[in-house]
C-alpha atoms as a PDB file:
ATOM      1  CA  MET A   1     -18.594   6.636  -7.430  1.00  0.00           C
ATOM      2  CA  THR A   2     -18.833   3.288  -9.474  1.00  0.00           C
ATOM      3  CA  THR A   3     -15.817   0.304 -10.141  1.00  0.00           C
ATOM      4  CA  LYS A   4     -15.751   1.243 -13.014  1.00  0.00           C
ATOM      5  CA  LYS A   5     -14.393   4.773 -12.701  1.00  0.00           C
ATOM      6  CA  ALA A   6     -12.336   3.705  -9.986  1.00  0.00           C
ATOM      7  CA  ARG A   7      -9.928   0.739 -11.538  1.00  0.00           C
ATOM      8  CA  LYS A   8      -6.071   1.043 -10.054  1.00  0.00           C
ATOM      9  CA  ARG A   9      -4.517  -0.960 -13.102  1.00  0.00           C
ATOM     10  CA  ALA A  10      -2.318  -3.375 -11.375  1.00  0.00           C
ATOM     11  CA  PRO A  11       1.303  -2.665 -12.125  1.00  0.00           C
ATOM     12  CA  ALA A  12       3.083  -5.208 -14.953  1.00  0.00           C
ATOM     13  CA  PRO A  13       5.432  -7.705 -13.250  1.00  0.00           C
ATOM     14  CA  ARG A  14       8.638  -6.127 -12.201  1.00  0.00           C
ATOM     15  CA  LYS A  15      11.971  -7.316 -14.244  1.00  0.00           C
ATOM     16  CA  PRO A  16      14.555  -9.441 -12.304  1.00  0.00           C
ATOM     17  CA  VAL A  17      17.140  -7.183 -11.442  1.00  0.00           C
ATOM     18  CA  THR A  18      19.551 -10.462 -11.008  1.00  0.00           C
ATOM     19  CA  GLU A  19      19.413 -13.713 -12.747  1.00  0.00           C
ATOM     20  CA  PRO A  20      16.404 -16.020 -11.417  1.00  0.00           C
ATOM     21  CA  ARG A  21      19.816 -17.447  -9.833  1.00  0.00           C
ATOM     22  CA  GLU A  22      20.700 -18.157  -6.334  1.00  0.00           C
ATOM     23  CA  ARG A  23      19.036 -14.687  -4.384  1.00  0.00           C
ATOM     24  CA  SER A  24      20.272 -14.772  -0.756  1.00  0.00           C
ATOM     25  CA  GLY A  25      21.626 -12.169   1.835  1.00  0.00           C
ATOM     26  CA  ALA A  26      21.219  -8.241   1.359  1.00  0.00           C
ATOM     27  CA  TYR A  27      18.999  -9.372  -2.006  1.00  0.00           C
ATOM     28  CA  ALA A  28      16.570 -11.743  -0.528  1.00  0.00           C
ATOM     29  CA  ASP A  29      16.361 -10.099   3.259  1.00  0.00           C
ATOM     30  CA  PHE A  30      15.583  -6.889   1.340  1.00  0.00           C
ATOM     31  CA  MET A  31      12.367  -8.818  -0.610  1.00  0.00           C
ATOM     32  CA  ALA A  32      11.297 -10.432   2.436  1.00  0.00           C
ATOM     33  CA  GLN A  33      11.503  -7.014   4.145  1.00  0.00           C
ATOM     34  CA  ALA A  34       9.261  -5.723   0.746  1.00  0.00           C
ATOM     35  CA  TYR A  35       6.838  -8.738   0.397  1.00  0.00           C
ATOM     36  CA  THR A  36       6.226  -8.059   4.448  1.00  0.00           C
ATOM     37  CA  MET A  37       5.452  -4.518   3.361  1.00  0.00           C
ATOM     38  CA  GLU A  38       2.681  -5.705   1.100  1.00  0.00           C
ATOM     39  CA  LEU A  39       1.337  -7.864   2.937  1.00  0.00           C
ATOM     40  CA  GLU A  40       0.832  -5.315   6.094  1.00  0.00           C
ATOM     41  CA  ALA A  41      -0.883  -3.086   3.527  1.00  0.00           C
ATOM     42  CA  VAL A  42      -3.173  -5.725   2.283  1.00  0.00           C
ATOM     43  CA  GLN A  43      -4.260  -6.588   5.438  1.00  0.00           C
ATOM     44  CA  ARG A  44      -4.364  -2.627   6.577  1.00  0.00           C
ATOM     45  CA  TYR A  45      -6.892  -2.092   4.082  1.00  0.00           C
ATOM     46  CA  THR A  46      -8.455  -5.187   4.954  1.00  0.00           C
ATOM     47  CA  GLU A  47      -9.189  -3.708   8.484  1.00  0.00           C
ATOM     48  CA  PHE A  48      -9.893  -0.323   6.521  1.00  0.00           C
ATOM     49  CA  ALA A  49     -13.124  -2.048   4.328  1.00  0.00           C
ATOM     50  CA  GLU A  50     -14.057  -4.184   7.537  1.00  0.00           C
ATOM     51  CA  GLN A  51     -14.242  -0.592   9.423  1.00  0.00           C
ATOM     52  CA  MET A  52     -16.494   0.691   6.657  1.00  0.00           C
ATOM     53  CA  GLU A  53     -18.486  -2.026   6.601  1.00  0.00           C
ATOM     54  CA  VAL A  54     -19.257  -2.012  10.532  1.00  0.00           C
ATOM     55  CA  HIS A  55     -20.376   1.825   9.784  1.00  0.00           C
ATOM     56  CA  ASN A  56     -22.585   0.826   6.384  1.00  0.00           C
ATOM     57  CA  ASN A  57     -20.302   2.254   4.157  1.00  0.00           C
ATOM     58  CA  PRO A  58     -19.961   0.242   1.510  1.00  0.00           C
ATOM     59  CA  GLU A  59     -18.958   2.291  -1.172  1.00  0.00           C
ATOM     60  CA  VAL A  60     -15.817   3.090   0.709  1.00  0.00           C
ATOM     61  CA  ALA A  61     -15.425  -0.644   1.763  1.00  0.00           C
ATOM     62  CA  GLN A  62     -15.309  -1.735  -1.676  1.00  0.00           C
ATOM     63  CA  LEU A  63     -12.536   0.583  -2.503  1.00  0.00           C
ATOM     64  CA  PHE A  64     -10.390  -0.312  -0.021  1.00  0.00           C
ATOM     65  CA  ARG A  65     -11.141  -4.205  -0.692  1.00  0.00           C
ATOM     66  CA  LYS A  66      -9.811  -3.160  -4.316  1.00  0.00           C
ATOM     67  CA  LEU A  67      -6.551  -1.687  -2.970  1.00  0.00           C
ATOM     68  CA  ALA A  68      -6.054  -4.716  -0.501  1.00  0.00           C
ATOM     69  CA  THR A  69      -6.342  -7.004  -3.360  1.00  0.00           C
ATOM     70  CA  ILE A  70      -3.994  -4.813  -5.746  1.00  0.00           C
ATOM     71  CA  GLU A  71      -1.010  -4.682  -2.944  1.00  0.00           C
ATOM     72  CA  GLY A  72      -1.694  -8.494  -2.644  1.00  0.00           C
ATOM     73  CA  LEU A  73      -0.923  -8.832  -6.446  1.00  0.00           C
ATOM     74  CA  HIS A  74       2.260  -6.777  -5.551  1.00  0.00           C
ATOM     75  CA  ALA A  75       3.053  -9.526  -2.681  1.00  0.00           C
ATOM     76  CA  LYS A  76       2.798 -12.174  -5.626  1.00  0.00           C
ATOM     77  CA  GLN A  77       4.950 -10.539  -8.103  1.00  0.00           C
ATOM     78  CA  ILE A  78       7.446 -10.904  -5.084  1.00  0.00           C
ATOM     79  CA  LEU A  79       7.210 -14.583  -4.416  1.00  0.00           C
ATOM     80  CA  GLU A  80       7.050 -15.418  -7.951  1.00  0.00           C
ATOM     81  CA  GLU A  81      10.188 -13.040  -8.597  1.00  0.00           C
ATOM     82  CA  MET A  82      12.337 -14.718  -6.124  1.00  0.00           C
ATOM     83  CA  GLY A  83      11.031 -18.438  -6.852  1.00  0.00           C
ATOM     84  CA  TRP A  84       9.518 -18.546  -3.415  1.00  0.00           C
ATOM     85  CA  SER A  85       6.920 -21.458  -2.802  1.00  0.00           C
ATOM     86  CA  GLN A  86       6.128 -20.119   0.094  1.00  0.00           C
ATOM     87  CA  ALA A  87       5.722 -16.655   1.876  1.00  0.00           C
ATOM     88  CA  PRO A  88       9.690 -16.487   3.263  1.00  0.00           C
ATOM     89  CA  GLY A  89      10.026 -16.058   7.310  1.00  0.00           C
ATOM     90  CA  PRO A  90       9.159 -12.538   9.340  1.00  0.00           C
ATOM     91  CA  ALA A  91      11.691 -10.083   7.668  1.00  0.00           C
ATOM     92  CA  HIS A  92      14.371  -8.731  10.756  1.00  0.00           C
ATOM     93  CA  ALA A  93      12.642  -6.406  12.657  1.00  0.00           C
ATOM     94  CA  GLN A  94      11.905  -3.231  11.648  1.00  0.00           C
ATOM     95  CA  GLN A  95      11.800   0.212  13.227  1.00  0.00           C
ATOM     96  CA  TRP A  96       9.395   2.102  10.887  1.00  0.00           C
ATOM     97  CA  GLU A  97       9.409   5.849  10.743  1.00  0.00           C
ATOM     98  CA  GLY A  98       5.870   6.726  12.370  1.00  0.00           C
ATOM     99  CA  GLY A  99       5.405   3.485  13.897  1.00  0.00           C
ATOM    100  CA  GLU A 100       3.620   2.098  10.539  1.00  0.00           C
ATOM    101  CA  PRO A 101       5.005   0.342   7.849  1.00  0.00           C
ATOM    102  CA  PRO A 102       5.720   2.513   4.532  1.00  0.00           C
ATOM    103  CA  GLU A 103       2.715   1.666   2.629  1.00  0.00           C
ATOM    104  CA  SER A 104      -0.003   1.203   5.694  1.00  0.00           C
ATOM    105  CA  ALA A 105      -1.854   3.909   7.298  1.00  0.00           C
ATOM    106  CA  PRO A 106      -2.694   4.271  11.280  1.00  0.00           C
ATOM    107  CA  MET A 107      -6.215   3.192  12.041  1.00  0.00           C
ATOM    108  CA  SER A 108      -6.577   6.603  13.394  1.00  0.00           C
ATOM    109  CA  GLU A 109      -6.746   7.780   9.661  1.00  0.00           C
ATOM    110  CA  VAL A 110     -10.042   6.119   8.969  1.00  0.00           C
ATOM    111  CA  HIS A 111     -13.302   7.685   9.839  1.00  0.00           C
ATOM    112  CA  TYR A 112     -16.782   6.252   9.465  1.00  0.00           C
ATOM    113  CA  ARG A 113     -18.205   9.044   7.523  1.00  0.00           C
ATOM    114  CA  MET A 114     -14.764   9.304   4.700  1.00  0.00           C
ATOM    115  CA  THR A 115     -15.482   9.204   1.184  1.00  0.00           C
ATOM    116  CA  PRO A 116     -14.047   7.781  -1.849  1.00  0.00           C
ATOM    117  CA  TRP A 117     -11.818  10.592  -2.730  1.00  0.00           C
ATOM    118  CA  HIS A 118     -10.245  10.307   1.333  1.00  0.00           C
ATOM    119  CA  ALA A 119      -9.865   6.404   0.794  1.00  0.00           C
ATOM    120  CA  LEU A 120      -7.750   7.720  -2.268  1.00  0.00           C
ATOM    121  CA  GLU A 121      -6.015  10.182  -0.457  1.00  0.00           C
ATOM    122  CA  LEU A 122      -5.074   8.004   2.177  1.00  0.00           C
ATOM    123  CA  ALA A 123      -4.155   5.765  -0.303  1.00  0.00           C
ATOM    124  CA  LEU A 124      -2.181   8.325  -2.157  1.00  0.00           C
ATOM    125  CA  ASP A 125      -0.085   8.926   1.193  1.00  0.00           C
ATOM    126  CA  ASN A 126       0.780   5.240   1.617  1.00  0.00           C
ATOM    127  CA  GLU A 127       2.364   5.403  -2.111  1.00  0.00           C
ATOM    128  CA  LEU A 128       4.043   8.354  -1.260  1.00  0.00           C
ATOM    129  CA  ARG A 129       5.409   7.016   1.739  1.00  0.00           C
ATOM    130  CA  ALA A 130       6.962   4.076  -0.112  1.00  0.00           C
ATOM    131  CA  GLU A 131       8.229   5.755  -2.516  1.00  0.00           C
ATOM    132  CA  LYS A 132      10.351   8.071  -0.350  1.00  0.00           C
ATOM    133  CA  PHE A 133      11.383   4.902   1.699  1.00  0.00           C
ATOM    134  CA  PHE A 134      13.031   3.006  -0.951  1.00  0.00           C
ATOM    135  CA  ALA A 135      14.180   5.924  -2.658  1.00  0.00           C
ATOM    136  CA  ALA A 136      16.480   6.188   0.287  1.00  0.00           C
ATOM    137  CA  ILE A 137      17.767   2.702   0.574  1.00  0.00           C
ATOM    138  CA  ALA A 138      18.860   2.981  -3.278  1.00  0.00           C
ATOM    139  CA  LYS A 139      20.843   6.353  -1.696  1.00  0.00           C
ATOM    140  CA  SER A 140      22.377   4.789   1.122  1.00  0.00           C
ATOM    141  CA  SER A 141      25.741   3.753   0.412  1.00  0.00           C
ATOM    142  CA  ARG A 142      25.857   1.490   3.061  1.00  0.00           C
ATOM    143  CA  THR A 143      23.387  -0.580   0.533  1.00  0.00           C
ATOM    144  CA  PRO A 144      24.677  -3.289  -1.882  1.00  0.00           C
ATOM    145  CA  ALA A 145      24.687  -2.381  -4.940  1.00  0.00           C
ATOM    146  CA  GLU A 146      21.738  -4.769  -6.315  1.00  0.00           C
ATOM    147  CA  VAL A 147      19.627  -3.971  -3.412  1.00  0.00           C
ATOM    148  CA  ARG A 148      20.435   0.016  -4.683  1.00  0.00           C
ATOM    149  CA  LYS A 149      19.204  -1.092  -8.157  1.00  0.00           C
ATOM    150  CA  LEU A 150      16.088  -3.115  -7.023  1.00  0.00           C
ATOM    151  CA  ALA A 151      15.353  -0.104  -4.426  1.00  0.00           C
ATOM    152  CA  ALA A 152      15.161   2.497  -7.216  1.00  0.00           C
ATOM    153  CA  GLU A 153      13.650   0.346  -9.155  1.00  0.00           C
ATOM    154  CA  MET A 154      10.559  -0.063  -7.021  1.00  0.00           C
ATOM    155  CA  ALA A 155      10.812   3.802  -5.518  1.00  0.00           C
ATOM    156  CA  ASP A 156      10.188   4.528  -9.575  1.00  0.00           C
ATOM    157  CA  GLU A 157       7.200   1.615  -9.509  1.00  0.00           C
ATOM    158  CA  GLU A 158       5.667   3.641  -5.801  1.00  0.00           C
ATOM    159  CA  ALA A 159       5.745   6.575  -8.718  1.00  0.00           C
ATOM    160  CA  GLU A 160       3.509   4.583 -10.951  1.00  0.00           C
ATOM    161  CA  HIS A 161       1.575   3.545  -8.542  1.00  0.00           C
ATOM    162  CA  VAL A 162       1.307   7.631  -6.963  1.00  0.00           C
ATOM    163  CA  ARG A 163       0.640   8.710 -10.318  1.00  0.00           C
ATOM    164  CA  LEU A 164      -2.140   6.135 -11.067  1.00  0.00           C
ATOM    165  CA  VAL A 165      -3.442   7.231  -7.796  1.00  0.00           C
ATOM    166  CA  ARG A 166      -3.960  10.721  -8.565  1.00  0.00           C
ATOM    167  CA  GLU A 167      -5.668   9.697 -11.348  1.00  0.00           C
ATOM    168  CA  TRP A 168      -8.145   7.781 -10.050  1.00  0.00           C
ATOM    169  CA  MET A 169      -8.745  10.381  -7.653  1.00  0.00           C
ATOM    170  CA  LYS A 170      -9.566  13.088 -10.275  1.00  0.00           C
ATOM    171  CA  ARG A 171     -12.232  10.586 -10.962  1.00  0.00           C
ATOM    172  CA  VAL A 172     -13.955  10.833  -7.777  1.00  0.00           C
ATOM    173  CA  PRO A 173     -16.172  14.166  -6.218  1.00  0.00           C
ATOM    174  CA  ARG A 174     -14.214  16.164  -3.777  1.00  0.00           C
ATOM    175  CA  PRO A 175     -15.765  15.948  -0.549  1.00  0.00           C
ATOM    176  CA  ASP A 176     -17.926  18.427   0.465  1.00  0.00           C
ATOM    177  CA  PRO A 177     -16.362  20.802   3.630  1.00  0.00           C
ATOM    178  CA  ASP A 178     -18.532  19.875   6.480  1.00  0.00           C
ATOM    179  CA  TRP A 179     -17.971  15.678   5.207  1.00  0.00           C
ATOM    180  CA  ASN A 180     -17.638  14.832   8.748  1.00  0.00           C
ATOM    181  CA  ARG A 181     -20.586  16.373  10.440  1.00  0.00           C
ATOM    182  CA  ASP A 182     -23.139  13.990  11.497  1.00  0.00           C
ATOM    183  CA  PRO A 183     -26.474  15.044  12.044  1.00  0.00           C
ATOM    184  CA  ASP A 184     -27.257  12.150  14.421  1.00  0.00           C
ATOM    185  CA  PRO A 185     -23.732  11.257  15.767  1.00  0.00           C
ATOM    186  CA  PRO A 186     -23.517   7.929  17.819  1.00  0.00           C
ATOM    187  CA  PHE A 187     -24.410   7.829  21.482  1.00  0.00           C
ATOM    188  CA  LEU A 188     -22.418   5.459  23.505  1.00  0.00           C
ATOM    189  CA  GLY A 189     -24.671   5.215  26.572  1.00  0.00           C
ATOM    190  CA  ASP A 190     -23.327   4.034  30.347  1.00  0.00           C
END
């Protein structure tokens, strides 16, 4: 895979749901939570890239770095939309389904022999979870109307990311069935 073949377009900036007037309360809390999700995705993709570099898998490391950059752009868009000159304080503690934020996969999902296709499959799962997360908020009757509207917009955005990742996956080879077989596995001695 070359980087020319595997490019995920950065999303167009989202149009604000409300005017750039004071945004506080539930709207600001929701955006702080979305911002935190994006930052955690950046951090996790960066960790994945570092793991791949340690295991001399530069192609997948580069792909994870690209995904981290894209998620960083999403975080920057939130800051700009909200008019925040710096990151908001930590979002309220959130109990994520499965213990991980929607756009962050657990470290156990990374294998040192994974291929670009596997990395994209992992990204696809992350985007699908994020889409489901925002769609659930958009449908919740307990959520304020302006937050439901924004959550629906974010769910649509995530659906576009799903489409882009699926397109990207078509341009990389699928792994062989024995992709994780290592003829010379690492040995941990005493």
